[in-house]
N, C-alpha and C. Protein backbone atom coordinates (compact mmCIF):
# COMPACT_ATOMS: atom_id res chain seq x y z
N MET A 1 0.85 -1.18 0.00
CA MET A 1 0.00 0.00 0.00
C MET A 1 0.90 1.24 0.00
N GLN A 2 0.50 2.22 -0.77
CA GLN A 2 1.27 3.45 -0.87
C GLN A 2 1.16 4.25 0.43
N GLU A 3 2.28 4.76 0.89
CA GLU A 3 2.29 5.53 2.14
C GLU A 3 1.40 6.77 2.09
N PRO A 4 1.33 7.50 0.98
CA PRO A 4 0.41 8.65 0.94
C PRO A 4 -1.04 8.26 1.20
N SER A 5 -1.44 7.09 0.73
CA SER A 5 -2.81 6.62 0.98
C SER A 5 -3.03 6.36 2.47
N ARG A 6 -2.05 5.73 3.09
CA ARG A 6 -2.15 5.50 4.55
C ARG A 6 -2.30 6.83 5.29
N ILE A 7 -1.51 7.80 4.90
CA ILE A 7 -1.54 9.10 5.58
C ILE A 7 -2.90 9.76 5.42
N ILE A 8 -3.46 9.73 4.22
CA ILE A 8 -4.78 10.33 3.98
C ILE A 8 -5.83 9.67 4.87
N ILE A 9 -5.83 8.35 4.92
CA ILE A 9 -6.84 7.64 5.71
C ILE A 9 -6.59 7.85 7.20
N GLU A 10 -5.34 7.80 7.63
CA GLU A 10 -5.03 8.01 9.05
C GLU A 10 -5.42 9.43 9.48
N ASN A 11 -5.19 10.42 8.63
CA ASN A 11 -5.61 11.79 8.96
C ASN A 11 -7.11 11.88 9.11
N TYR A 12 -7.84 11.19 8.23
CA TYR A 12 -9.30 11.17 8.35
C TYR A 12 -9.70 10.56 9.69
N CYS A 13 -9.07 9.46 10.04
CA CYS A 13 -9.42 8.78 11.30
C CYS A 13 -9.11 9.65 12.52
N LEU A 14 -8.05 10.44 12.45
CA LEU A 14 -7.70 11.31 13.57
C LEU A 14 -8.65 12.48 13.72
N THR A 15 -9.26 12.91 12.63
CA THR A 15 -10.12 14.09 12.68
C THR A 15 -11.60 13.76 12.76
N HIS A 16 -11.94 12.48 12.74
CA HIS A 16 -13.35 12.08 12.83
C HIS A 16 -13.51 11.03 13.93
N SER A 17 -14.61 11.12 14.62
CA SER A 17 -14.91 10.14 15.66
C SER A 17 -16.24 9.47 15.31
N SER A 18 -16.12 8.34 14.62
CA SER A 18 -17.32 7.63 14.19
C SER A 18 -16.99 6.15 14.05
N ALA A 19 -18.02 5.35 13.85
CA ALA A 19 -17.81 3.93 13.63
C ALA A 19 -17.01 3.72 12.34
N LYS A 20 -17.28 4.55 11.34
CA LYS A 20 -16.56 4.47 10.07
C LYS A 20 -15.06 4.71 10.29
N SER A 21 -14.72 5.75 11.03
CA SER A 21 -13.30 6.06 11.24
C SER A 21 -12.60 4.99 12.07
N ARG A 22 -13.30 4.44 13.05
CA ARG A 22 -12.69 3.38 13.86
C ARG A 22 -12.42 2.12 13.03
N ARG A 23 -13.38 1.79 12.17
CA ARG A 23 -13.21 0.60 11.34
C ARG A 23 -12.11 0.82 10.29
N LEU A 24 -12.06 2.01 9.72
CA LEU A 24 -11.00 2.33 8.78
C LEU A 24 -9.63 2.27 9.45
N LYS A 25 -9.55 2.77 10.67
CA LYS A 25 -8.29 2.73 11.40
C LYS A 25 -7.82 1.29 11.59
N ARG A 26 -8.75 0.42 11.93
CA ARG A 26 -8.41 -1.00 12.10
C ARG A 26 -7.91 -1.61 10.79
N LEU A 27 -8.55 -1.25 9.67
CA LEU A 27 -8.12 -1.78 8.38
C LEU A 27 -6.74 -1.26 7.99
N VAL A 28 -6.47 0.00 8.27
CA VAL A 28 -5.14 0.53 7.99
C VAL A 28 -4.11 -0.17 8.85
N GLU A 29 -4.44 -0.42 10.11
CA GLU A 29 -3.52 -1.15 10.98
C GLU A 29 -3.26 -2.55 10.44
N LEU A 30 -4.28 -3.18 9.87
CA LEU A 30 -4.09 -4.50 9.26
C LEU A 30 -3.12 -4.43 8.09
N SER A 31 -3.10 -3.31 7.40
CA SER A 31 -2.23 -3.18 6.23
C SER A 31 -0.75 -3.18 6.63
N TYR A 32 -0.45 -2.90 7.88
CA TYR A 32 0.93 -2.94 8.36
C TYR A 32 1.36 -4.36 8.72
N ASP A 33 0.42 -5.25 8.95
CA ASP A 33 0.70 -6.62 9.38
C ASP A 33 0.34 -7.58 8.26
N LEU A 34 1.34 -8.05 7.54
CA LEU A 34 1.08 -8.91 6.39
C LEU A 34 0.51 -10.27 6.78
N SER A 35 0.63 -10.66 8.04
CA SER A 35 0.08 -11.94 8.46
C SER A 35 -1.40 -11.84 8.83
N ALA A 36 -1.89 -10.63 9.00
CA ALA A 36 -3.30 -10.43 9.35
C ALA A 36 -4.18 -10.51 8.10
N GLU A 37 -5.39 -10.97 8.30
CA GLU A 37 -6.33 -11.06 7.18
C GLU A 37 -7.60 -10.30 7.51
N ALA A 38 -8.07 -9.54 6.56
CA ALA A 38 -9.34 -8.83 6.70
C ALA A 38 -10.47 -9.81 6.35
N SER A 39 -11.63 -9.56 6.91
CA SER A 39 -12.77 -10.45 6.70
C SER A 39 -13.56 -10.07 5.44
N ASP A 40 -14.48 -10.94 5.07
CA ASP A 40 -15.38 -10.63 3.95
C ASP A 40 -16.23 -9.41 4.26
N ALA A 41 -16.63 -9.28 5.53
CA ALA A 41 -17.42 -8.12 5.94
C ALA A 41 -16.61 -6.83 5.77
N ASP A 42 -15.33 -6.90 6.04
CA ASP A 42 -14.45 -5.74 5.82
C ASP A 42 -14.40 -5.38 4.35
N ALA A 43 -14.35 -6.38 3.49
CA ALA A 43 -14.31 -6.14 2.04
C ALA A 43 -15.59 -5.45 1.58
N VAL A 44 -16.72 -5.90 2.08
CA VAL A 44 -18.00 -5.29 1.71
C VAL A 44 -18.07 -3.85 2.22
N PHE A 45 -17.64 -3.64 3.47
CA PHE A 45 -17.61 -2.30 4.06
C PHE A 45 -16.77 -1.36 3.22
N LEU A 46 -15.59 -1.79 2.84
CA LEU A 46 -14.68 -0.95 2.08
C LEU A 46 -15.23 -0.66 0.68
N GLU A 47 -15.83 -1.64 0.05
CA GLU A 47 -16.43 -1.43 -1.28
C GLU A 47 -17.55 -0.39 -1.21
N LYS A 48 -18.37 -0.46 -0.18
CA LYS A 48 -19.45 0.52 -0.02
C LYS A 48 -18.88 1.92 0.20
N LEU A 49 -17.82 2.02 0.99
CA LEU A 49 -17.18 3.32 1.20
C LEU A 49 -16.65 3.89 -0.10
N ILE A 50 -15.99 3.06 -0.88
CA ILE A 50 -15.42 3.50 -2.15
C ILE A 50 -16.54 4.00 -3.07
N ASP A 51 -17.61 3.25 -3.14
CA ASP A 51 -18.73 3.63 -4.01
C ASP A 51 -19.37 4.95 -3.61
N SER A 52 -19.39 5.24 -2.32
CA SER A 52 -20.09 6.45 -1.85
C SER A 52 -19.16 7.65 -1.64
N GLU A 53 -17.85 7.44 -1.72
CA GLU A 53 -16.89 8.53 -1.45
C GLU A 53 -16.90 9.58 -2.56
N LYS A 54 -17.01 10.83 -2.17
CA LYS A 54 -17.07 11.93 -3.13
C LYS A 54 -15.71 12.62 -3.30
N ASP A 55 -14.87 12.59 -2.28
CA ASP A 55 -13.54 13.21 -2.34
C ASP A 55 -12.61 12.31 -3.17
N PRO A 56 -12.12 12.80 -4.31
CA PRO A 56 -11.29 11.95 -5.18
C PRO A 56 -10.01 11.45 -4.51
N GLU A 57 -9.40 12.27 -3.68
CA GLU A 57 -8.16 11.87 -3.00
C GLU A 57 -8.44 10.73 -2.01
N MET A 58 -9.51 10.87 -1.24
CA MET A 58 -9.87 9.83 -0.28
C MET A 58 -10.31 8.57 -1.01
N LYS A 59 -11.04 8.73 -2.10
CA LYS A 59 -11.49 7.57 -2.87
C LYS A 59 -10.30 6.77 -3.39
N GLU A 60 -9.31 7.47 -3.90
CA GLU A 60 -8.10 6.81 -4.39
C GLU A 60 -7.37 6.09 -3.26
N ALA A 61 -7.31 6.71 -2.08
CA ALA A 61 -6.67 6.09 -0.93
C ALA A 61 -7.42 4.83 -0.51
N LEU A 62 -8.75 4.90 -0.51
CA LEU A 62 -9.55 3.73 -0.15
C LEU A 62 -9.38 2.61 -1.18
N GLU A 63 -9.30 2.96 -2.44
CA GLU A 63 -9.07 1.95 -3.48
C GLU A 63 -7.70 1.30 -3.30
N ASP A 64 -6.72 2.09 -2.94
CA ASP A 64 -5.38 1.55 -2.68
C ASP A 64 -5.42 0.57 -1.50
N LEU A 65 -6.11 0.95 -0.45
CA LEU A 65 -6.26 0.07 0.72
C LEU A 65 -6.97 -1.22 0.32
N ASN A 66 -8.02 -1.10 -0.44
CA ASN A 66 -8.79 -2.26 -0.90
C ASN A 66 -7.91 -3.19 -1.74
N ASP A 67 -7.17 -2.62 -2.67
CA ASP A 67 -6.29 -3.45 -3.51
C ASP A 67 -5.24 -4.16 -2.67
N PHE A 68 -4.70 -3.45 -1.70
CA PHE A 68 -3.66 -4.03 -0.87
C PHE A 68 -4.20 -5.17 0.00
N LEU A 69 -5.33 -4.94 0.63
CA LEU A 69 -5.87 -5.94 1.57
C LEU A 69 -6.50 -7.14 0.87
N PHE A 70 -7.12 -6.92 -0.28
CA PHE A 70 -7.94 -7.98 -0.86
C PHE A 70 -7.45 -8.48 -2.21
N ASN A 71 -6.46 -7.83 -2.78
CA ASN A 71 -5.95 -8.28 -4.08
C ASN A 71 -4.44 -8.48 -4.04
N TYR A 72 -3.89 -8.58 -2.85
CA TYR A 72 -2.44 -8.70 -2.66
C TYR A 72 -1.97 -10.09 -2.99
């Protein structure tokens, strides 16, 4: 996963306090641990976020996270 994508998502998580930000934070943390595996529910959650994201920079970061976690 590209470091700029991690930074964008981590900044979002630091500035928002929601279930979405907590779950995203957990997924980013998983991206640091190659032995960890995300669940099917995580994949669905991330796909829904990507589909609904309006900010192009954040959308690209989420797509990068998705590719890293589920297409690695």
